[in-house]
């Protein structure tokens, strides 16, 4: 990522001659809108807000290992989950052992934006046969090299399981995920593993089938995605995030685009996301830099946005006094080297439920 940002910063200083197309709700010929009273949050307030949103999505399952050597539950969105082959620090679970399971399921733009859990995946560097190399860290988390871009989701999921109060390190998870939770069953969906960096940004890596870490298929009869995850050999301190997703194969010329926000807002106390019309999932503009001509702007890494793509730009922050969400939504059609400008008078406030409903409805 550091390498990508250095490239962006250098590139930005060389494009002084480019003409940027601005998208704004400004109308300088009309009356001046009334002044709004918002306070800009600190970084810690914004971070805590996101954590609280995500905490509200957690489902807690307290149970015991049954006679099959595992446990099962049905989630709030109808996902049927069967867990087995449980061990913690080399001690295999037996019938009657205590289980504490934390589960999250996300399908829609609204909650993804507020919790900073967008669907961003690595588009790997593949060889002539379509294969790509992965690396594993000491906990078995996988990574690969490539560009970071939007992926289309059938659901993203988080697990943490404790056995008799100890972290589970071996497991098998069988999930039946209703296709109706997104836009019905779609072909070409793959299984992904998520990694969270030091900025709390989530990025998914495709799990190659040869790793035997899991696989995915469509059950046409039940209209479910069937998702299997395997973990062994003292895997991480938490099972973490996984995803049903596919690459967004948008055609045509690609471009970067930029979003300028009101003064005082930045990457630490606000966020910019991009939702694509007609698709589930959410892209994240996770670069904030000072452009030679545009000033401070949000952008993305690799110029993955197709010219002509229709969607919505979401600005998200919070008022630290009222605890209401500060937001703005801009409908756009991407043009080359586009600047989307969000003015102070574009900002609105709403409760969590109101904003989620607005974003999900787009």
Protein backbone atom coordinates (compact mmCIF):
# COMPACT_ATOMS: atom_id res chain seq x y z
CA UNK A 1 0.00 0.00 0.00
CA UNK A 2 2.86 2.42 0.81
CA UNK A 3 4.30 1.82 -2.62
CA UNK A 4 0.91 2.50 -4.19
CA UNK A 5 0.51 5.78 -2.28
CA UNK A 6 3.96 7.00 -3.28
CA UNK A 7 3.03 6.34 -6.90
CA UNK A 8 -0.27 8.20 -6.53
CA UNK A 9 1.36 11.21 -4.89
CA UNK A 10 3.98 11.43 -7.66
CA UNK A 11 1.37 10.98 -10.33
CA UNK A 12 -0.81 13.68 -8.79
CA UNK A 13 1.95 16.29 -9.11
CA UNK A 14 2.30 15.60 -12.84
CA UNK A 15 -1.29 16.10 -13.90
CA UNK A 16 -1.54 19.86 -13.58
CA UNK A 17 -2.54 20.14 -17.23
CA UNK A 18 -5.50 17.76 -16.97
CA UNK A 19 -9.04 19.11 -16.99
CA UNK A 20 -11.07 17.74 -14.10
CA UNK A 21 -14.84 17.43 -14.34
CA UNK A 22 -16.48 18.51 -11.12
CA UNK A 23 -19.73 17.06 -9.85
CA UNK A 24 -21.36 19.30 -7.25
CA UNK A 25 -24.77 20.39 -6.08
CA UNK A 26 -23.58 24.02 -5.97
CA UNK A 27 -25.69 26.64 -7.72
CA UNK A 28 -23.96 29.98 -7.26
CA UNK A 29 -26.83 31.84 -8.91
CA UNK A 30 -29.36 30.77 -6.28
CA UNK A 31 -29.87 31.78 -2.65
CA UNK A 32 -27.19 30.89 -0.11
CA UNK A 33 -28.33 27.86 1.91
CA UNK A 34 -28.73 28.39 5.66
CA UNK A 35 -25.66 27.60 7.75
CA UNK A 36 -25.67 24.17 9.37
CA UNK A 37 -24.19 23.47 12.76
CA UNK A 38 -21.98 20.39 12.69
CA UNK A 39 -18.99 19.63 14.78
CA UNK A 40 -16.12 17.72 13.22
CA UNK A 41 -15.21 14.61 15.22
CA UNK A 42 -11.77 13.61 16.39
CA UNK A 43 -10.23 10.47 14.96
CA UNK A 44 -10.96 8.53 18.14
CA UNK A 45 -14.64 9.54 18.14
CA UNK A 46 -15.04 8.42 14.53
CA UNK A 47 -13.22 5.15 15.19
CA UNK A 48 -15.35 4.42 18.26
CA UNK A 49 -18.50 5.16 16.28
CA UNK A 50 -17.53 2.53 13.69
CA UNK A 51 -16.73 0.01 16.41
CA UNK A 52 -20.12 0.59 18.04
CA UNK A 53 -21.89 0.03 14.72
CA UNK A 54 -20.03 -3.23 14.18
CA UNK A 55 -20.64 -4.31 17.77
CA UNK A 56 -24.36 -3.91 17.15
CA UNK A 57 -24.14 -6.48 14.34
CA UNK A 58 -22.64 -9.22 16.51
CA UNK A 59 -24.70 -12.32 17.21
CA UNK A 60 -23.67 -14.30 20.30
CA UNK A 61 -24.21 -18.05 20.50
CA UNK A 62 -23.58 -19.77 23.83
CA UNK A 63 -24.04 -23.53 23.70
CA UNK A 64 -22.34 -26.89 24.29
CA UNK A 65 -20.72 -29.36 21.96
CA UNK A 66 -23.36 -31.92 21.00
CA UNK A 67 -23.13 -35.66 20.35
CA UNK A 68 -21.80 -35.02 16.82
CA UNK A 69 -18.72 -33.27 18.21
CA UNK A 70 -19.81 -29.79 17.16
CA UNK A 71 -22.67 -27.29 17.35
CA UNK A 72 -25.10 -25.59 15.00
CA UNK A 73 -27.26 -22.47 14.80
CA UNK A 74 -29.36 -20.45 12.37
CA UNK A 75 -28.44 -16.77 12.00
CA UNK A 76 -30.78 -13.80 12.05
CA UNK A 77 -30.69 -13.70 8.23
CA UNK A 78 -31.38 -17.40 7.84
CA UNK A 79 -27.86 -18.76 7.42
CA UNK A 80 -27.64 -22.36 8.63
CA UNK A 81 -24.28 -22.96 10.30
CA UNK A 82 -22.75 -26.29 11.34
CA UNK A 83 -19.39 -26.22 13.15
CA UNK A 84 -17.24 -29.27 13.89
CA UNK A 85 -13.70 -30.59 14.35
CA UNK A 86 -13.08 -28.17 17.20
CA UNK A 87 -9.84 -27.95 19.11
CA UNK A 88 -8.12 -25.30 21.23
CA UNK A 89 -4.36 -25.38 21.77
CA UNK A 90 -4.25 -29.04 20.81
CA UNK A 91 -7.12 -30.10 23.10
CA UNK A 92 -9.97 -31.58 21.10
CA UNK A 93 -13.50 -30.69 22.13
CA UNK A 94 -15.81 -33.37 23.48
CA UNK A 95 -19.54 -33.55 24.07
CA UNK A 96 -20.65 -31.13 26.77
CA UNK A 97 -17.76 -28.65 26.40
CA UNK A 98 -18.76 -24.98 26.57
CA UNK A 99 -18.89 -22.95 23.35
CA UNK A 100 -18.92 -19.16 22.97
CA UNK A 101 -19.35 -18.11 19.34
CA UNK A 102 -19.48 -14.57 17.90
CA UNK A 103 -20.92 -14.23 14.39
CA UNK A 104 -21.48 -11.27 12.03
CA UNK A 105 -23.21 -11.31 8.64
CA UNK A 106 -23.25 -8.28 6.30
CA UNK A 107 -24.99 -8.03 2.93
CA UNK A 108 -25.93 -4.40 2.24
CA UNK A 109 -24.20 -1.10 1.54
CA UNK A 110 -25.55 0.83 4.51
CA UNK A 111 -24.11 -1.17 7.36
CA UNK A 112 -20.91 -1.85 5.39
CA UNK A 113 -20.32 1.90 5.05
CA UNK A 114 -21.02 2.76 8.68
CA UNK A 115 -18.92 -0.12 10.03
CA UNK A 116 -16.08 0.29 7.48
CA UNK A 117 -16.47 -3.24 6.16
CA UNK A 118 -16.63 -2.68 2.38
CA UNK A 119 -16.14 -5.39 -0.22
CA UNK A 120 -12.64 -4.70 -1.49
CA UNK A 121 -10.54 -7.51 -2.91
CA UNK A 122 -7.10 -8.04 -4.37
CA UNK A 123 -7.04 -8.57 -8.14
CA UNK A 124 -3.98 -10.85 -8.22
CA UNK A 125 -1.10 -10.96 -10.64
CA UNK A 126 -1.80 -14.21 -12.52
CA UNK A 127 0.44 -16.31 -14.72
CA UNK A 128 -0.43 -17.45 -18.26
CA UNK A 129 -2.52 -20.30 -16.83
CA UNK A 130 -4.52 -18.06 -14.52
CA UNK A 131 -2.78 -19.14 -11.33
CA UNK A 132 -1.36 -16.77 -8.74
CA UNK A 133 0.95 -17.11 -5.77
CA UNK A 134 -0.13 -16.66 -2.18
CA UNK A 135 1.81 -16.28 1.05
CA UNK A 136 0.76 -17.32 4.55
CA UNK A 137 1.72 -15.67 7.80
CA UNK A 138 2.42 -17.52 11.05
CA UNK A 139 -1.31 -17.75 11.75
CA UNK A 140 -2.24 -19.12 8.33
CA UNK A 141 -3.74 -15.89 6.99
CA UNK A 142 -3.21 -15.64 3.23
CA UNK A 143 -2.18 -12.71 1.04
CA UNK A 144 -1.18 -12.06 -2.56
CA UNK A 145 0.05 -9.18 -4.71
CA UNK A 146 -2.13 -7.15 -7.03
CA UNK A 147 -4.44 -4.19 -7.29
CA UNK A 148 -7.15 -3.48 -4.73
CA UNK A 149 -10.63 -3.05 -6.19
CA UNK A 150 -14.38 -3.52 -5.82
CA UNK A 151 -15.80 -7.06 -5.64
CA UNK A 152 -19.47 -8.07 -5.87
CA UNK A 153 -20.77 -9.79 -2.76
CA UNK A 154 -23.05 -12.60 -1.74
CA UNK A 155 -22.32 -11.85 1.92
CA UNK A 156 -19.38 -11.24 4.24
CA UNK A 157 -19.02 -13.08 7.54
CA UNK A 158 -17.04 -12.95 10.77
CA UNK A 159 -16.42 -15.77 13.26
CA UNK A 160 -14.77 -16.02 16.63
CA UNK A 161 -15.18 -19.26 18.59
CA UNK A 162 -13.96 -20.16 22.06
CA UNK A 163 -13.93 -23.67 23.51
CA UNK A 164 -14.10 -23.81 27.33
CA UNK A 165 -12.92 -20.19 27.31
CA UNK A 166 -9.90 -20.92 25.07
CA UNK A 167 -9.41 -19.72 21.52
CA UNK A 168 -10.39 -22.29 18.88
CA UNK A 169 -7.47 -23.03 16.56
CA UNK A 170 -8.88 -25.98 14.61
CA UNK A 171 -12.37 -25.98 13.07
CA UNK A 172 -14.59 -26.82 10.14
CA UNK A 173 -17.53 -24.58 9.28
CA UNK A 174 -20.35 -25.51 6.91
CA UNK A 175 -22.68 -22.62 5.99
CA UNK A 176 -25.79 -22.50 3.83
CA UNK A 177 -26.27 -18.86 2.86
CA UNK A 178 -29.58 -17.84 1.21
CA UNK A 179 -29.00 -16.23 -2.17
CA UNK A 180 -32.03 -14.00 -1.50
CA UNK A 181 -29.97 -12.10 1.08
CA UNK A 182 -28.25 -10.37 -1.83
CA UNK A 183 -29.53 -10.55 -5.41
CA UNK A 184 -30.10 -14.26 -5.76
CA UNK A 185 -27.56 -16.92 -6.69
CA UNK A 186 -24.89 -15.67 -9.07
CA UNK A 187 -22.36 -17.63 -11.08
CA UNK A 188 -18.60 -17.21 -10.67
CA UNK A 189 -18.80 -16.56 -6.93
CA UNK A 190 -15.63 -17.48 -5.03
CA UNK A 191 -14.53 -17.91 -1.44
CA UNK A 192 -12.36 -15.17 0.08
CA UNK A 193 -10.44 -14.57 3.32
CA UNK A 194 -10.29 -11.11 4.85
CA UNK A 195 -7.36 -9.27 6.39
CA UNK A 196 -7.56 -6.05 8.40
CA UNK A 197 -4.64 -3.62 8.34
CA UNK A 198 -3.41 -1.09 10.88
CA UNK A 199 -6.00 1.46 9.66
CA UNK A 200 -8.85 -1.03 10.27
CA UNK A 201 -9.43 -1.35 6.52
CA UNK A 202 -10.63 -4.77 5.36
CA UNK A 203 -9.31 -6.39 2.18
CA UNK A 204 -10.22 -9.85 0.87
CA UNK A 205 -7.97 -12.38 -0.89
CA UNK A 206 -9.38 -15.21 -3.00
CA UNK A 207 -8.82 -18.60 -1.37
CA UNK A 208 -7.38 -20.91 -4.06
CA UNK A 209 -9.09 -24.29 -3.93
CA UNK A 210 -5.77 -26.15 -3.76
CA UNK A 211 -5.12 -24.70 -0.29
CA UNK A 212 -7.97 -26.87 1.08
CA UNK A 213 -8.89 -23.94 3.34
CA UNK A 214 -12.43 -24.11 2.00
CA UNK A 215 -14.63 -24.08 -1.06
CA UNK A 216 -17.96 -22.79 -2.32
CA UNK A 217 -20.73 -23.97 -4.61
CA UNK A 218 -24.30 -23.07 -5.57
CA UNK A 219 -27.14 -25.33 -4.45
CA UNK A 220 -29.76 -24.58 -7.11
CA UNK A 221 -32.41 -26.70 -5.40
CA UNK A 222 -32.35 -24.73 -2.14
CA UNK A 223 -31.10 -21.48 -3.74
CA UNK A 224 -28.30 -21.34 -1.18
CA UNK A 225 -24.59 -20.74 -1.43
CA UNK A 226 -22.88 -23.65 0.34
CA UNK A 227 -19.68 -22.40 1.95
CA UNK A 228 -17.11 -24.54 3.77
CA UNK A 229 -14.20 -23.19 5.81
CA UNK A 230 -11.39 -25.24 7.31
CA UNK A 231 -8.80 -24.23 9.87
CA UNK A 232 -6.01 -26.25 11.42
CA UNK A 233 -2.50 -26.14 12.86
CA UNK A 234 -3.08 -23.38 15.39
CA UNK A 235 -4.69 -20.83 13.10
CA UNK A 236 -5.22 -17.23 14.21
CA UNK A 237 -6.36 -15.75 17.50
CA UNK A 238 -9.76 -15.33 15.85
CA UNK A 239 -11.17 -16.98 12.77
CA UNK A 240 -11.97 -13.54 11.37
CA UNK A 241 -13.58 -12.52 8.09
CA UNK A 242 -14.55 -14.49 5.02
CA UNK A 243 -16.64 -13.58 2.00
CA UNK A 244 -18.73 -14.92 -0.87
CA UNK A 245 -17.72 -12.65 -3.75
CA UNK A 246 -16.76 -12.41 -7.37
CA UNK A 247 -14.51 -10.12 -9.36
CA UNK A 248 -16.24 -7.11 -10.87
CA UNK A 249 -15.47 -7.57 -14.56
CA UNK A 250 -16.46 -4.11 -15.74
CA UNK A 251 -15.49 -3.41 -19.34
CA UNK A 252 -14.15 -0.24 -20.96
CA UNK A 253 -11.57 2.41 -20.15
CA UNK A 254 -10.63 2.72 -16.49
CA UNK A 255 -9.87 5.89 -14.57
CA UNK A 256 -9.21 7.24 -11.13
CA UNK A 257 -11.57 9.74 -9.69
CA UNK A 258 -11.30 12.14 -6.80
CA UNK A 259 -13.61 13.36 -4.06
CA UNK A 260 -13.10 16.65 -2.25
CA UNK A 261 -14.87 17.09 1.09
CA UNK A 262 -15.49 20.11 3.34
CA UNK A 263 -12.48 21.58 5.12
CA UNK A 264 -11.62 19.86 8.39
CA UNK A 265 -12.70 16.41 7.29
CA UNK A 266 -10.04 13.86 6.38
CA UNK A 267 -9.28 10.13 6.37
CA UNK A 268 -9.15 10.01 10.17
CA UNK A 269 -12.58 11.48 10.88
CA UNK A 270 -14.64 10.66 7.77
CA UNK A 271 -14.85 8.18 4.90
CA UNK A 272 -15.76 8.03 1.23
CA UNK A 273 -17.34 4.97 -0.38
CA UNK A 274 -18.66 4.21 -3.85
CA UNK A 275 -21.72 2.08 -4.48
CA UNK A 276 -22.38 0.66 -7.95
CA UNK A 277 -25.92 0.76 -9.30
CA UNK A 278 -27.48 -2.68 -9.56
CA UNK A 279 -24.75 -4.45 -7.56
CA UNK A 280 -24.36 -5.48 -3.95
CA UNK A 281 -21.13 -4.47 -2.27
CA UNK A 282 -19.24 -1.30 -1.53
CA UNK A 283 -15.99 0.19 -2.80
CA UNK A 284 -13.70 2.22 -0.52
CA UNK A 285 -11.66 5.27 -1.50
CA UNK A 286 -8.89 4.60 0.98
CA UNK A 287 -6.26 7.11 -0.17
CA UNK A 288 -6.27 10.69 1.15
CA UNK A 289 -3.62 12.99 -0.34
CA UNK A 290 -2.81 16.59 -1.22
CA UNK A 291 -3.17 17.04 -4.95
CA UNK A 292 -1.15 19.81 -6.62
CA UNK A 293 -4.24 21.52 -8.06
CA UNK A 294 -7.21 19.99 -6.26
CA UNK A 295 -5.95 20.23 -2.70
CA UNK A 296 -6.79 17.44 -0.25
CA UNK A 297 -8.86 14.72 -1.89
CA UNK A 298 -9.94 11.14 -1.41
CA UNK A 299 -9.07 8.73 -4.20
CA UNK A 300 -8.15 5.07 -4.79
CA UNK A 301 -5.05 3.17 -5.78
CA UNK A 302 -5.00 1.84 -9.27
CA UNK A 303 -7.52 3.53 -11.54
CA UNK A 304 -9.98 0.64 -11.45
CA UNK A 305 -13.19 2.68 -11.98
CA UNK A 306 -14.69 2.22 -15.47
CA UNK A 307 -15.66 5.34 -17.42
CA UNK A 308 -19.45 5.41 -17.76
CA UNK A 309 -20.11 3.38 -14.59
CA UNK A 310 -23.16 4.66 -12.71
CA UNK A 311 -23.27 4.73 -8.95
CA UNK A 312 -23.27 6.76 -5.76
CA UNK A 313 -20.58 8.47 -3.71
CA UNK A 314 -21.19 8.24 0.04
CA UNK A 315 -19.62 10.60 2.57
CA UNK A 316 -19.80 9.34 6.16
CA UNK A 317 -18.84 11.06 9.43
CA UNK A 318 -20.45 11.78 12.80
CA UNK A 319 -21.35 14.81 14.92
CA UNK A 320 -19.59 14.22 18.27
CA UNK A 321 -22.20 16.24 20.22
CA UNK A 322 -25.49 14.93 18.83
CA UNK A 323 -24.08 11.47 17.92
CA UNK A 324 -26.00 11.73 14.67
CA UNK A 325 -24.41 10.50 11.47
CA UNK A 326 -23.26 13.22 9.09
CA UNK A 327 -23.61 12.03 5.51
CA UNK A 328 -23.99 12.99 1.88
CA UNK A 329 -25.00 10.97 -1.18
CA UNK A 330 -24.05 12.00 -4.73
CA UNK A 331 -25.38 10.17 -7.75
CA UNK A 332 -22.72 10.08 -10.46
CA UNK A 333 -21.79 8.66 -13.82
CA UNK A 334 -18.04 8.23 -13.97
CA UNK A 335 -16.10 10.33 -16.48
CA UNK A 336 -12.37 10.44 -17.01
CA UNK A 337 -10.40 12.23 -14.27
CA UNK A 338 -13.55 13.14 -12.40
CA UNK A 339 -13.71 15.37 -9.35
CA UNK A 340 -16.76 14.87 -7.16
CA UNK A 341 -17.08 17.79 -4.79
CA UNK A 342 -19.06 17.59 -1.56
CA UNK A 343 -19.84 21.02 -0.13
CA UNK A 344 -20.70 21.79 3.46
CA UNK A 345 -24.33 22.50 2.57
CA UNK A 346 -24.57 19.03 0.95
CA UNK A 347 -24.17 17.40 4.35
CA UNK A 348 -27.20 15.95 6.14
CA UNK A 349 -27.68 14.28 9.51
CA UNK A 350 -29.62 11.19 10.48
CA UNK A 351 -29.83 8.34 12.91
CA UNK A 352 -28.04 5.08 12.20
CA UNK A 353 -31.29 3.43 11.16
CA UNK A 354 -32.24 6.31 8.84
CA UNK A 355 -28.89 6.42 7.08
CA UNK A 356 -28.69 2.65 6.67
CA UNK A 357 -32.16 2.68 5.12
CA UNK A 358 -31.21 5.48 2.70
CA UNK A 359 -27.98 3.79 1.55
CA UNK A 360 -29.56 0.34 1.27
CA UNK A 361 -32.33 1.80 -0.87
CA UNK A 362 -29.93 2.99 -3.57
